[in-house]
Amino acid sequence: SEPGRPIQDIMNEVIEYLTNTVDPLREKSIRDKKASVLHDLYLYQVMLLRVTGDERKQVEKMFDDFSDEAVTNDWSADEIAKRTAKDISAGLSRIAFGQIDVNIIVKSQ
């Protein structure tokens, strides 16, 4: 979201996201492990709200692939949490904030 946007616009965007994306997955997740994994990703990876356009599609594919892998390999809740922290959160942050050139960071130290 852009700096200076009215708080009401941001709140409306969040409510729409919860209503249209998270809630349907919550209901489905009771019977479906993939939906359960997706629900948690969409609910807790709030950085997704910063991502739009092609990058948004890229993140949604990353979530979908991750969920498929979790189901295929029958990961436990702990395994899903560990892999989410390691793989999903880092990837999503990188996409949300754009690629940060590590060399620039190192040189500035």
N, C-alpha and C. Protein backbone atom coordinates (compact mmCIF):
# COMPACT_ATOMS: atom_id res chain seq x y z
N SER A 1 0.83 -1.19 0.00
CA SER A 1 0.00 0.00 0.00
C SER A 1 0.87 1.24 0.00
N GLU A 2 0.39 2.25 -0.68
CA GLU A 2 1.16 3.48 -0.86
C GLU A 2 1.14 4.33 0.41
N PRO A 3 2.24 5.04 0.68
CA PRO A 3 2.24 5.95 1.83
C PRO A 3 1.18 7.03 1.62
N GLY A 4 0.57 7.48 2.69
CA GLY A 4 -0.40 8.55 2.61
C GLY A 4 -1.80 8.11 2.21
N ARG A 5 -2.00 6.80 2.02
CA ARG A 5 -3.36 6.33 1.71
C ARG A 5 -4.23 6.46 2.93
N PRO A 6 -5.50 6.83 2.75
CA PRO A 6 -6.40 6.93 3.90
C PRO A 6 -6.54 5.59 4.61
N ILE A 7 -6.55 5.63 5.93
CA ILE A 7 -6.63 4.41 6.74
C ILE A 7 -7.88 3.61 6.38
N GLN A 8 -8.98 4.29 6.05
CA GLN A 8 -10.22 3.58 5.71
C GLN A 8 -10.03 2.73 4.45
N ASP A 9 -9.28 3.24 3.46
CA ASP A 9 -9.00 2.46 2.25
C ASP A 9 -8.23 1.20 2.59
N ILE A 10 -7.25 1.35 3.46
CA ILE A 10 -6.43 0.21 3.87
C ILE A 10 -7.28 -0.80 4.62
N MET A 11 -8.12 -0.32 5.53
CA MET A 11 -8.99 -1.23 6.30
C MET A 11 -9.96 -1.95 5.37
N ASN A 12 -10.52 -1.24 4.39
CA ASN A 12 -11.43 -1.87 3.43
C ASN A 12 -10.73 -2.96 2.64
N GLU A 13 -9.47 -2.70 2.26
CA GLU A 13 -8.69 -3.70 1.53
C GLU A 13 -8.47 -4.94 2.39
N VAL A 14 -8.15 -4.74 3.66
CA VAL A 14 -7.92 -5.86 4.58
C VAL A 14 -9.21 -6.66 4.78
N ILE A 15 -10.32 -5.96 4.99
CA ILE A 15 -11.61 -6.64 5.19
C ILE A 15 -11.99 -7.44 3.95
N GLU A 16 -11.80 -6.85 2.78
CA GLU A 16 -12.10 -7.55 1.53
C GLU A 16 -11.23 -8.80 1.39
N TYR A 17 -9.95 -8.67 1.73
CA TYR A 17 -9.01 -9.80 1.67
C TYR A 17 -9.46 -10.92 2.61
N LEU A 18 -9.80 -10.57 3.83
CA LEU A 18 -10.24 -11.58 4.80
C LEU A 18 -11.54 -12.24 4.35
N THR A 19 -12.47 -11.45 3.85
CA THR A 19 -13.77 -11.96 3.43
C THR A 19 -13.68 -12.84 2.19
N ASN A 20 -12.93 -12.39 1.20
CA ASN A 20 -12.91 -13.09 -0.10
C ASN A 20 -11.84 -14.17 -0.20
N THR A 21 -10.77 -14.07 0.57
CA THR A 21 -9.67 -15.02 0.43
C THR A 21 -9.56 -15.94 1.64
N VAL A 22 -9.52 -15.37 2.83
CA VAL A 22 -9.24 -16.17 4.02
C VAL A 22 -10.46 -16.96 4.50
N ASP A 23 -11.61 -16.32 4.60
CA ASP A 23 -12.81 -17.00 5.11
C ASP A 23 -13.20 -18.25 4.32
N PRO A 24 -13.27 -18.19 2.98
CA PRO A 24 -13.63 -19.40 2.24
C PRO A 24 -12.65 -20.56 2.50
N LEU A 25 -11.37 -20.23 2.64
CA LEU A 25 -10.37 -21.27 2.93
C LEU A 25 -10.57 -21.84 4.33
N ARG A 26 -10.94 -20.99 5.28
CA ARG A 26 -11.17 -21.46 6.65
C ARG A 26 -12.27 -22.51 6.66
N GLU A 27 -13.37 -22.23 5.98
CA GLU A 27 -14.48 -23.16 5.95
C GLU A 27 -14.09 -24.48 5.28
N LYS A 28 -13.34 -24.38 4.19
CA LYS A 28 -12.91 -25.57 3.45
C LYS A 28 -11.85 -26.35 4.23
N SER A 29 -11.06 -25.67 5.04
CA SER A 29 -9.91 -26.30 5.71
C SER A 29 -10.31 -27.36 6.72
N ILE A 30 -11.56 -27.34 7.15
CA ILE A 30 -12.03 -28.33 8.11
C ILE A 30 -11.93 -29.73 7.51
N ARG A 31 -12.17 -29.85 6.20
CA ARG A 31 -12.18 -31.15 5.53
C ARG A 31 -10.98 -31.39 4.63
N ASP A 32 -10.15 -30.39 4.42
CA ASP A 32 -9.18 -30.45 3.33
C ASP A 32 -7.82 -29.92 3.82
N LYS A 33 -6.80 -30.78 3.83
CA LYS A 33 -5.49 -30.37 4.36
C LYS A 33 -4.87 -29.25 3.51
N LYS A 34 -4.98 -29.34 2.19
CA LYS A 34 -4.40 -28.29 1.36
C LYS A 34 -5.05 -26.94 1.68
N ALA A 35 -6.36 -26.93 1.79
CA ALA A 35 -7.06 -25.68 2.13
C ALA A 35 -6.62 -25.18 3.50
N SER A 36 -6.36 -26.10 4.41
CA SER A 36 -5.91 -25.73 5.75
C SER A 36 -4.54 -25.05 5.69
N VAL A 37 -3.62 -25.62 4.90
CA VAL A 37 -2.29 -25.02 4.74
C VAL A 37 -2.42 -23.65 4.07
N LEU A 38 -3.21 -23.58 3.00
CA LEU A 38 -3.41 -22.31 2.30
C LEU A 38 -4.03 -21.26 3.22
N HIS A 39 -5.01 -21.68 4.01
CA HIS A 39 -5.68 -20.75 4.94
C HIS A 39 -4.65 -20.10 5.85
N ASP A 40 -3.78 -20.93 6.44
CA ASP A 40 -2.78 -20.39 7.36
C ASP A 40 -1.79 -19.47 6.65
N LEU A 41 -1.40 -19.84 5.42
CA LEU A 41 -0.49 -18.98 4.67
C LEU A 41 -1.13 -17.63 4.40
N TYR A 42 -2.35 -17.64 3.87
CA TYR A 42 -3.01 -16.38 3.54
C TYR A 42 -3.34 -15.56 4.79
N LEU A 43 -3.63 -16.23 5.90
CA LEU A 43 -3.98 -15.51 7.12
C LEU A 43 -2.76 -14.89 7.80
N TYR A 44 -1.67 -15.66 7.89
CA TYR A 44 -0.53 -15.20 8.69
C TYR A 44 0.56 -14.51 7.88
N GLN A 45 0.60 -14.71 6.58
CA GLN A 45 1.62 -14.06 5.76
C GLN A 45 1.07 -12.72 5.26
N VAL A 46 0.86 -11.81 6.20
CA VAL A 46 0.20 -10.54 5.90
C VAL A 46 1.00 -9.66 4.94
N MET A 47 2.26 -9.96 4.77
CA MET A 47 3.09 -9.21 3.83
C MET A 47 2.49 -9.31 2.41
N LEU A 48 1.68 -10.35 2.18
CA LEU A 48 1.04 -10.52 0.87
C LEU A 48 0.23 -9.29 0.48
N LEU A 49 -0.31 -8.58 1.47
CA LEU A 49 -1.11 -7.40 1.16
C LEU A 49 -0.29 -6.30 0.49
N ARG A 50 1.03 -6.36 0.60
CA ARG A 50 1.90 -5.37 -0.05
C ARG A 50 2.19 -5.74 -1.50
N VAL A 51 1.82 -6.96 -1.90
CA VAL A 51 2.22 -7.48 -3.21
C VAL A 51 1.06 -7.37 -4.19
N THR A 52 1.35 -6.84 -5.39
CA THR A 52 0.31 -6.70 -6.42
C THR A 52 0.84 -7.18 -7.76
N GLY A 53 -0.05 -7.23 -8.74
CA GLY A 53 0.33 -7.53 -10.12
C GLY A 53 0.92 -8.91 -10.30
N ASP A 54 1.93 -8.99 -11.17
CA ASP A 54 2.56 -10.28 -11.49
C ASP A 54 3.21 -10.90 -10.26
N GLU A 55 3.75 -10.05 -9.39
CA GLU A 55 4.38 -10.56 -8.17
C GLU A 55 3.34 -11.26 -7.30
N ARG A 56 2.12 -10.75 -7.29
CA ARG A 56 1.04 -11.37 -6.50
C ARG A 56 0.77 -12.78 -7.03
N LYS A 57 0.71 -12.92 -8.36
CA LYS A 57 0.50 -14.24 -8.97
C LYS A 57 1.66 -15.17 -8.60
N GLN A 58 2.86 -14.64 -8.59
CA GLN A 58 4.05 -15.42 -8.24
C GLN A 58 3.94 -15.94 -6.80
N VAL A 59 3.51 -15.09 -5.88
CA VAL A 59 3.36 -15.50 -4.48
C VAL A 59 2.23 -16.53 -4.34
N GLU A 60 1.12 -16.30 -5.03
CA GLU A 60 0.01 -17.24 -4.95
C GLU A 60 0.43 -18.61 -5.47
N LYS A 61 1.25 -18.64 -6.53
CA LYS A 61 1.76 -19.92 -7.04
C LYS A 61 2.70 -20.55 -6.01
N MET A 62 3.53 -19.74 -5.37
CA MET A 62 4.43 -20.23 -4.32
C MET A 62 3.60 -20.86 -3.19
N PHE A 63 2.53 -20.21 -2.76
CA PHE A 63 1.64 -20.75 -1.72
C PHE A 63 1.03 -22.07 -2.17
N ASP A 64 0.55 -22.10 -3.42
CA ASP A 64 -0.12 -23.28 -3.96
C ASP A 64 0.85 -24.46 -4.04
N ASP A 65 2.05 -24.21 -4.57
CA ASP A 65 3.07 -25.27 -4.67
C ASP A 65 3.46 -25.78 -3.28
N PHE A 66 3.64 -24.87 -2.34
CA PHE A 66 4.00 -25.23 -0.97
C PHE A 66 2.91 -26.12 -0.36
N SER A 67 1.65 -25.75 -0.57
CA SER A 67 0.52 -26.52 -0.02
C SER A 67 0.45 -27.91 -0.64
N ASP A 68 0.66 -27.98 -1.96
CA ASP A 68 0.69 -29.29 -2.63
C ASP A 68 1.78 -30.17 -2.03
N GLU A 69 2.95 -29.59 -1.83
CA GLU A 69 4.08 -30.34 -1.27
C GLU A 69 3.78 -30.81 0.15
N ALA A 70 3.14 -29.95 0.93
CA ALA A 70 2.78 -30.31 2.31
C ALA A 70 1.83 -31.51 2.33
N VAL A 71 0.87 -31.52 1.41
CA VAL A 71 -0.10 -32.62 1.34
C VAL A 71 0.58 -33.89 0.81
N THR A 72 1.32 -33.76 -0.28
CA THR A 72 1.99 -34.91 -0.90
C THR A 72 2.92 -35.60 0.08
N ASN A 73 3.67 -34.82 0.85
CA ASN A 73 4.65 -35.39 1.78
C ASN A 73 4.10 -35.58 3.18
N ASP A 74 2.81 -35.28 3.36
CA ASP A 74 2.13 -35.45 4.64
C ASP A 74 2.91 -34.81 5.79
N TRP A 75 3.30 -33.53 5.60
CA TRP A 75 4.05 -32.82 6.63
C TRP A 75 3.18 -32.63 7.86
N SER A 76 3.82 -32.72 9.01
CA SER A 76 3.14 -32.42 10.28
C SER A 76 2.97 -30.91 10.40
N ALA A 77 2.16 -30.48 11.36
CA ALA A 77 1.96 -29.05 11.60
C ALA A 77 3.29 -28.37 11.93
N ASP A 78 4.14 -29.06 12.72
CA ASP A 78 5.46 -28.50 13.07
C ASP A 78 6.33 -28.33 11.83
N GLU A 79 6.32 -29.34 10.97
CA GLU A 79 7.11 -29.29 9.74
C GLU A 79 6.63 -28.14 8.85
N ILE A 80 5.33 -28.00 8.74
CA ILE A 80 4.76 -26.91 7.93
C ILE A 80 5.19 -25.56 8.50
N ALA A 81 5.12 -25.41 9.82
CA ALA A 81 5.50 -24.15 10.46
C ALA A 81 6.98 -23.83 10.21
N LYS A 82 7.84 -24.85 10.37
CA LYS A 82 9.29 -24.64 10.15
C LYS A 82 9.58 -24.24 8.72
N ARG A 83 8.98 -24.98 7.78
CA ARG A 83 9.23 -24.70 6.36
C ARG A 83 8.61 -23.37 5.94
N THR A 84 7.50 -23.01 6.54
CA THR A 84 6.88 -21.71 6.22
C THR A 84 7.84 -20.59 6.64
N ALA A 85 8.37 -20.69 7.85
CA ALA A 85 9.30 -19.67 8.33
C ALA A 85 10.53 -19.59 7.44
N LYS A 86 11.05 -20.76 7.05
CA LYS A 86 12.30 -20.80 6.29
C LYS A 86 12.09 -20.40 4.82
N ASP A 87 11.07 -20.95 4.19
CA ASP A 87 10.91 -20.80 2.74
C ASP A 87 9.93 -19.69 2.35
N ILE A 88 8.75 -19.74 2.91
CA ILE A 88 7.69 -18.82 2.47
C ILE A 88 7.94 -17.40 2.97
N SER A 89 8.17 -17.23 4.26
CA SER A 89 8.31 -15.88 4.82
C SER A 89 9.46 -15.12 4.17
N ALA A 90 10.59 -15.79 3.99
CA ALA A 90 11.75 -15.14 3.37
C ALA A 90 11.45 -14.76 1.93
N GLY A 91 10.87 -15.69 1.18
CA GLY A 91 10.55 -15.42 -0.22
C GLY A 91 9.55 -14.30 -0.37
N LEU A 92 8.55 -14.31 0.48
CA LEU A 92 7.51 -13.28 0.41
C LEU A 92 8.08 -11.91 0.76
N SER A 93 8.92 -11.84 1.78
CA SER A 93 9.54 -10.56 2.15
C SER A 93 10.39 -10.03 1.01
N ARG A 94 11.15 -10.93 0.38
CA ARG A 94 12.00 -10.53 -0.75
C ARG A 94 11.15 -9.93 -1.87
N ILE A 95 10.03 -10.59 -2.18
CA ILE A 95 9.16 -10.11 -3.24
C ILE A 95 8.49 -8.80 -2.82
N ALA A 96 8.00 -8.74 -1.60
CA ALA A 96 7.25 -7.57 -1.14
C ALA A 96 8.11 -6.31 -1.13
N PHE A 97 9.33 -6.43 -0.73
CA PHE A 97 10.20 -5.25 -0.64
C PHE A 97 11.09 -5.08 -1.85
N GLY A 98 10.94 -5.94 -2.84
CA GLY A 98 11.79 -5.88 -4.02
C GLY A 98 13.13 -6.50 -3.69
N GLN A 99 13.87 -6.85 -4.71
CA GLN A 99 15.17 -7.48 -4.48
C GLN A 99 16.11 -6.45 -3.85
N ILE A 100 16.70 -6.84 -2.75
CA ILE A 100 17.68 -5.97 -2.09
C ILE A 100 19.06 -6.48 -2.48
N ASP A 101 19.87 -5.60 -2.98
CA ASP A 101 21.22 -5.98 -3.38
C ASP A 101 22.08 -6.13 -2.12
N VAL A 102 22.42 -7.37 -1.83
CA VAL A 102 23.19 -7.68 -0.62
C VAL A 102 24.53 -6.95 -0.62
N ASN A 103 25.12 -6.77 -1.79
CA ASN A 103 26.41 -6.08 -1.87
C ASN A 103 26.32 -4.66 -1.34
N ILE A 104 25.24 -3.99 -1.62
CA ILE A 104 25.06 -2.61 -1.12
C ILE A 104 25.00 -2.62 0.41
N ILE A 105 24.28 -3.60 0.96
CA ILE A 105 24.17 -3.69 2.42
C ILE A 105 25.54 -3.97 3.03
N VAL A 106 26.27 -4.91 2.44
CA VAL A 106 27.59 -5.27 2.96
C VAL A 106 28.52 -4.07 2.91
N LYS A 107 28.53 -3.35 1.79
CA LYS A 107 29.41 -2.18 1.64
C LYS A 107 29.07 -1.08 2.65
N SER A 108 27.81 -1.00 3.03
CA SER A 108 27.41 0.07 3.94
C SER A 108 27.75 -0.24 5.40
N GLN A 109 28.17 -1.46 5.67
CA GLN A 109 28.47 -1.86 7.05
C GLN A 109 29.81 -1.30 7.50
